[in-house]
Amino acid sequence: MIKKHLLLILAVTTFGYVNTAHSQSPISGFMQGKGKGNVSVSFSSEKYDDVYFIPEKVEGVPVFNKTTISSTSIYATYGISDQVDVVMVLPYVTAKGHATDAVLTNLGLENKRQGFQDVSVFVKYNPFNFDFGSSSLRLIGAVGVKTPLSNYKVEEGFQSIIAIGNRSTTVSTTGMAMFKMNSGIFASGQVAGNYASNNVPNSVTTELKVGYAAKSFYGDVFVANQKSTGGVDIFGQGFKGIFPTTKVNYTKIGVDLYAPVYKDWGVSAGASTVVAGRNIGQATGFYGGLVYKF
């Protein structure tokens, strides 16, 4: 049986527009149970020097040449009841460019942006469970909001390439299904609608995941997609130099691992890479985390 030892793995968080794709969804198919939960602190780093523009991928990030993004994130979830969980994510993000001193001086730019990004809070509800002998199907719905926590800047112009966020408040609604076997093998799929403020395009995100979850080990592989329902292309028709208004599409693949190490403590690790996209960097990243469950 899959019990409280199984933890939702947090990878990298959302960083911006060109910078990188969204992370994995914070909504998993595992419920905590009433009065149970976990808290994790994760450290991630990713970089890219190629960008998916339209009509083709280009080498070198405009102005900044290449970009490195690191974050420290707190993830927490708590079971209000056996059917309702609350999930919170809070990242501190540092984005660095590699523009030359001459470019920085001539354009009045900086090579670094950092600060608390957007806090996300979700409520997850599991109303339906269907048992099929040695396997089961779980249906879950969730609603959440992500909003800026600090007064970070979103400049108009090239500085936005390394902005740590888009200063948009986004409301998300998610539906998902997870099939699991008593052996520990599971598969899940989800789709979410994301409704953003401040002229940031709305989007639809999906995620498919296959993995193995047991008391002593957790592992999964995933593919995540996003498609914006509006917006403009960078340097395309209608683009006015305001990067948060651009459409951002991507396909991202990755892997997550978790193992307990001592009593209620465990460690997590993972990697991901963007394999296709639109108006986004071809980023590859890695993360590691320390997890406490209660």
Protein backbone atom coordinates (compact mmCIF):
# COMPACT_ATOMS: atom_id res chain seq x y z
CA MET A 1 0.00 0.00 0.00
CA ILE A 2 1.06 3.56 -0.64
CA LYS A 3 1.18 5.26 2.75
CA LYS A 4 2.29 8.56 4.21
CA HIS A 5 5.91 7.76 3.44
CA LEU A 6 5.23 8.80 -0.15
CA LEU A 7 5.99 12.45 -0.75
CA LEU A 8 5.22 14.88 -3.49
CA ILE A 9 8.49 15.88 -5.07
CA LEU A 10 9.05 19.55 -5.78
CA ALA A 11 11.35 20.34 -8.65
CA VAL A 12 12.07 23.78 -10.05
CA THR A 13 9.58 26.61 -9.79
CA THR A 14 8.27 29.13 -12.27
CA PHE A 15 10.82 31.77 -13.15
CA GLY A 16 9.63 33.95 -15.97
CA TYR A 17 8.90 34.14 -19.65
CA VAL A 18 11.98 33.51 -21.76
CA ASN A 19 13.87 32.22 -18.76
CA THR A 20 12.38 28.80 -18.34
CA ALA A 21 9.28 26.67 -18.40
CA HIS A 22 6.96 26.17 -15.51
CA SER A 23 7.91 23.52 -13.08
CA GLN A 24 6.01 20.37 -12.53
CA SER A 25 2.53 20.84 -11.21
CA PRO A 26 2.36 21.11 -7.41
CA ILE A 27 -0.71 18.85 -7.55
CA SER A 28 0.03 15.13 -7.18
CA GLY A 29 -2.22 12.09 -7.08
CA PHE A 30 -1.25 11.24 -3.48
CA MET A 31 -3.32 12.48 -0.54
CA GLN A 32 -1.73 13.14 2.85
CA GLY A 33 -4.52 11.95 5.15
CA LYS A 34 -6.12 13.92 7.98
CA GLY A 35 -3.55 15.65 10.19
CA LYS A 36 -0.58 14.44 8.13
CA GLY A 37 1.73 16.30 5.81
CA ASN A 38 5.26 17.15 4.82
CA VAL A 39 7.58 20.11 4.42
CA SER A 40 10.50 20.21 2.01
CA VAL A 41 13.27 22.64 1.17
CA SER A 42 14.67 22.21 -2.32
CA PHE A 43 17.62 23.75 -4.13
CA SER A 44 17.63 23.92 -7.92
CA SER A 45 19.78 25.24 -10.73
CA GLU A 46 19.26 25.39 -14.46
CA LYS A 47 20.79 27.17 -17.40
CA TYR A 48 20.30 27.75 -21.11
CA ASP A 49 22.06 29.50 -23.95
CA ASP A 50 19.66 28.61 -26.78
CA VAL A 51 16.15 30.01 -27.17
CA TYR A 52 13.11 28.67 -29.00
CA PHE A 53 11.99 31.61 -31.11
CA ILE A 54 9.67 31.58 -34.10
CA PRO A 55 10.25 30.27 -36.69
CA GLU A 56 13.34 28.46 -35.34
CA LYS A 57 15.61 27.96 -32.35
CA VAL A 58 18.50 30.43 -32.10
CA GLU A 59 21.88 30.14 -30.41
CA GLY A 60 22.60 32.64 -27.68
CA VAL A 61 20.21 34.50 -25.40
CA PRO A 62 19.54 38.03 -26.70
CA VAL A 63 21.72 40.59 -24.89
CA PHE A 64 22.62 38.26 -21.99
CA ASN A 65 24.26 35.46 -24.07
CA LYS A 66 23.28 32.76 -21.58
CA THR A 67 21.18 32.58 -18.44
CA THR A 68 21.57 30.71 -15.14
CA ILE A 69 18.66 30.42 -12.72
CA SER A 70 18.84 29.08 -9.19
CA SER A 71 16.19 28.88 -6.51
CA THR A 72 15.55 27.83 -2.95
CA SER A 73 11.95 26.71 -2.50
CA ILE A 74 9.76 25.76 0.42
CA TYR A 75 7.00 23.29 -0.29
CA ALA A 76 4.44 22.25 2.31
CA THR A 77 1.25 20.20 2.25
CA TYR A 78 -1.20 19.31 5.00
CA GLY A 79 -4.22 17.03 5.12
CA ILE A 80 -7.23 18.91 6.47
CA SER A 81 -9.20 15.67 6.08
CA ASP A 82 -8.71 12.38 4.28
CA GLN A 83 -10.20 14.01 1.17
CA VAL A 84 -8.83 17.58 1.36
CA ASP A 85 -5.21 18.76 1.26
CA VAL A 86 -3.74 22.28 1.30
CA VAL A 87 -0.53 22.87 -0.68
CA MET A 88 1.82 25.87 -0.46
CA VAL A 89 4.92 26.71 -2.54
CA LEU A 90 7.28 29.65 -1.97
CA PRO A 91 10.47 30.16 -4.05
CA TYR A 92 13.39 32.56 -3.69
CA VAL A 93 14.85 32.99 -7.16
CA THR A 94 18.15 34.30 -8.54
CA ALA A 95 18.46 34.89 -12.29
CA LYS A 96 21.84 35.75 -13.81
CA GLY A 97 22.73 36.86 -17.30
CA HIS A 98 26.17 36.93 -18.90
CA ALA A 99 26.10 40.17 -20.87
CA THR A 100 29.40 42.00 -21.38
CA ASP A 101 30.21 45.11 -19.36
CA ALA A 102 29.97 47.21 -22.53
CA VAL A 103 26.46 45.95 -23.27
CA LEU A 104 25.33 46.53 -19.69
CA THR A 105 26.67 50.09 -19.72
CA ASN A 106 25.31 50.99 -23.15
CA LEU A 107 21.81 49.62 -22.47
CA GLY A 108 21.62 50.43 -18.76
CA LEU A 109 21.01 46.81 -17.75
CA GLU A 110 22.03 44.52 -14.91
CA ASN A 111 23.26 40.92 -15.03
CA LYS A 112 21.37 39.77 -11.94
CA ARG A 113 17.88 39.75 -10.48
CA GLN A 114 16.87 38.00 -7.25
CA GLY A 115 14.16 37.92 -4.61
CA PHE A 116 11.09 36.11 -3.40
CA GLN A 117 8.96 35.32 -6.40
CA ASP A 118 5.30 34.22 -6.25
CA VAL A 119 3.63 32.35 -3.41
CA SER A 120 1.21 29.61 -4.52
CA VAL A 121 -1.60 28.13 -2.44
CA PHE A 122 -3.82 25.25 -3.62
CA VAL A 123 -6.71 23.33 -2.15
CA LYS A 124 -6.92 19.76 -3.44
CA TYR A 125 -10.07 17.62 -3.17
CA ASN A 126 -10.34 13.87 -3.72
CA PRO A 127 -14.08 13.04 -3.99
CA PHE A 128 -13.92 9.72 -5.84
CA ASN A 129 -11.97 6.49 -5.36
CA PHE A 130 -12.65 3.29 -7.26
CA ASP A 131 -11.12 -0.04 -6.21
CA PHE A 132 -10.45 -2.86 -8.68
CA GLY A 133 -9.02 -5.59 -6.51
CA SER A 134 -5.26 -5.06 -6.61
CA SER A 135 -5.51 -1.59 -8.20
CA SER A 136 -7.46 1.64 -7.80
CA LEU A 137 -8.42 4.83 -9.60
CA ARG A 138 -8.44 8.20 -7.84
CA LEU A 139 -10.05 11.38 -9.22
CA ILE A 140 -8.89 14.74 -7.88
CA GLY A 141 -9.78 18.37 -8.42
CA ALA A 142 -7.84 21.42 -7.25
CA VAL A 143 -8.07 25.20 -7.30
CA GLY A 144 -5.25 27.56 -6.48
CA VAL A 145 -3.83 31.04 -6.75
CA LYS A 146 -0.30 32.26 -7.40
CA THR A 147 0.53 35.88 -6.63
CA PRO A 148 3.69 38.00 -6.26
CA LEU A 149 5.08 38.04 -2.74
CA SER A 150 7.71 40.75 -3.20
CA ASN A 151 7.93 43.95 -5.19
CA TYR A 152 10.27 42.51 -7.82
CA LYS A 153 10.66 44.44 -11.05
CA VAL A 154 9.31 43.58 -14.45
CA GLU A 155 10.88 46.14 -16.74
CA GLU A 156 9.78 46.82 -20.25
CA GLY A 157 12.65 45.85 -22.51
CA PHE A 158 15.53 43.41 -22.46
CA GLN A 159 15.94 43.48 -18.68
CA SER A 160 12.76 41.40 -18.51
CA ILE A 161 14.66 38.44 -19.97
CA ILE A 162 16.14 37.80 -16.52
CA ALA A 163 13.18 39.02 -14.46
CA ILE A 164 12.33 36.46 -11.77
CA GLY A 165 8.61 36.48 -12.56
CA ASN A 166 5.86 38.30 -14.44
CA ARG A 167 4.08 40.05 -11.52
CA SER A 168 0.82 38.41 -12.47
CA THR A 169 -1.79 36.90 -10.17
CA THR A 170 -2.89 33.58 -11.67
CA VAL A 171 -5.88 31.45 -10.72
CA SER A 172 -5.58 27.76 -11.68
CA THR A 173 -8.14 24.97 -11.83
CA THR A 174 -6.86 21.40 -12.14
CA GLY A 175 -8.45 18.03 -12.79
CA MET A 176 -6.48 14.80 -12.56
CA ALA A 177 -6.77 11.03 -12.43
CA MET A 178 -4.31 8.56 -10.93
CA PHE A 179 -4.27 4.81 -11.41
CA LYS A 180 -2.17 2.84 -8.95
CA MET A 181 -1.45 -0.79 -8.19
CA ASN A 182 -0.74 -2.35 -4.80
CA SER A 183 2.70 -3.27 -6.17
CA GLY A 184 3.59 0.45 -6.15
CA ILE A 185 3.36 1.13 -9.89
CA PHE A 186 1.25 4.18 -10.74
CA ALA A 187 0.32 6.47 -13.64
CA SER A 188 -1.32 9.88 -13.47
CA GLY A 189 -2.53 12.55 -15.84
CA GLN A 190 -3.76 16.07 -15.25
CA VAL A 191 -4.90 19.18 -17.10
CA ALA A 192 -5.12 22.72 -15.73
CA GLY A 193 -6.49 26.03 -16.90
CA ASN A 194 -4.47 29.06 -15.79
CA TYR A 195 -6.08 32.52 -15.81
CA ALA A 196 -3.60 35.38 -15.44
CA SER A 197 -3.80 39.12 -14.76
CA ASN A 198 -1.77 42.08 -16.11
CA ASN A 199 -2.08 41.09 -19.78
CA VAL A 200 -0.13 37.88 -19.21
CA PRO A 201 -1.61 35.24 -21.56
CA ASN A 202 -3.83 32.54 -20.13
CA SER A 203 -2.61 28.99 -20.66
CA VAL A 204 -3.48 25.31 -20.53
CA THR A 205 -0.99 22.93 -18.90
CA THR A 206 -0.90 19.14 -18.92
CA GLU A 207 1.25 16.55 -17.20
CA LEU A 208 1.62 12.80 -17.61
CA LYS A 209 3.59 10.79 -15.06
CA VAL A 210 4.53 7.12 -14.61
CA GLY A 211 6.35 5.86 -11.55
CA TYR A 212 6.89 3.52 -8.64
CA ALA A 213 6.04 4.40 -5.05
CA ALA A 214 6.86 2.27 -2.02
CA LYS A 215 7.87 2.76 1.60
CA SER A 216 11.58 2.78 0.88
CA PHE A 217 11.73 4.40 -2.56
CA TYR A 218 9.88 6.72 -4.94
CA GLY A 219 10.68 7.39 -8.60
CA ASP A 220 8.83 8.81 -11.60
CA VAL A 221 9.33 10.07 -15.13
CA PHE A 222 7.11 12.80 -16.52
CA VAL A 223 6.28 14.92 -19.53
CA ALA A 224 4.77 18.37 -18.98
CA ASN A 225 3.30 20.72 -21.57
CA GLN A 226 2.04 24.28 -21.68
CA LYS A 227 0.18 26.09 -24.43
CA SER A 228 -0.69 29.77 -24.17
CA THR A 229 -4.12 30.75 -25.44
CA GLY A 230 -3.04 34.28 -26.39
CA GLY A 231 -0.07 36.60 -26.48
CA VAL A 232 2.48 37.55 -29.11
CA ASP A 233 5.82 36.16 -30.27
CA ILE A 234 9.06 37.81 -29.19
CA PHE A 235 10.22 40.07 -32.03
CA GLY A 236 7.05 39.09 -33.92
CA GLN A 237 4.06 41.07 -35.10
CA GLY A 238 2.51 43.04 -32.26
CA PHE A 239 5.50 42.67 -29.94
CA LYS A 240 6.18 45.97 -28.15
CA GLY A 241 9.10 44.93 -25.97
CA ILE A 242 6.95 43.85 -23.03
CA PHE A 243 8.08 40.29 -22.42
CA PRO A 244 5.33 39.23 -19.93
CA THR A 245 2.73 39.55 -22.73
CA THR A 246 4.38 36.92 -24.93
CA LYS A 247 2.93 33.46 -25.46
CA VAL A 248 5.00 30.68 -23.89
CA ASN A 249 4.63 27.09 -25.08
CA TYR A 250 6.84 24.19 -24.06
CA THR A 251 7.31 20.46 -23.73
CA LYS A 252 9.44 19.36 -20.79
CA ILE A 253 10.57 15.91 -19.68
CA GLY A 254 12.14 14.89 -16.40
CA VAL A 255 12.68 12.43 -13.58
CA ASP A 256 12.14 12.59 -9.80
CA LEU A 257 13.57 10.39 -7.04
CA TYR A 258 13.01 10.17 -3.30
CA ALA A 259 14.35 7.96 -0.49
CA PRO A 260 13.94 8.08 3.30
CA VAL A 261 17.19 8.46 5.24
CA TYR A 262 16.36 8.67 8.95
CA LYS A 263 13.02 8.34 10.73
CA ASP A 264 10.75 11.05 9.26
CA TRP A 265 13.49 12.65 7.12
CA GLY A 266 14.20 11.95 3.47
CA VAL A 267 16.02 13.34 0.44
CA SER A 268 14.80 14.07 -3.06
CA ALA A 269 16.57 14.71 -6.37
CA GLY A 270 15.68 15.14 -10.01
CA ALA A 271 16.40 16.60 -13.40
CA SER A 272 14.42 18.06 -16.29
CA THR A 273 14.95 19.56 -19.73
CA VAL A 274 12.90 21.53 -22.24
CA VAL A 275 12.75 19.61 -25.52
CA ALA A 276 10.48 21.91 -27.53
CA GLY A 277 8.96 25.33 -27.10
CA ARG A 278 8.02 28.79 -28.24
CA ASN A 279 9.48 32.00 -26.76
CA ILE A 280 11.37 30.06 -24.10
CA GLY A 281 14.92 29.01 -23.27
CA GLN A 282 16.09 25.46 -23.90
CA ALA A 283 16.79 24.95 -20.21
CA THR A 284 18.21 21.92 -18.44
CA GLY A 285 18.06 21.82 -14.66
CA PHE A 286 18.76 19.73 -11.58
CA TYR A 287 17.48 19.84 -8.03
CA GLY A 288 17.94 18.29 -4.62
CA GLY A 289 15.86 18.59 -1.50
CA LEU A 290 15.47 17.71 2.16
CA VAL A 291 12.03 16.48 3.22
CA TYR A 292 10.38 16.15 6.63
CA LYS A 293 7.08 14.32 7.02
CA PHE A 294 4.75 14.30 9.96
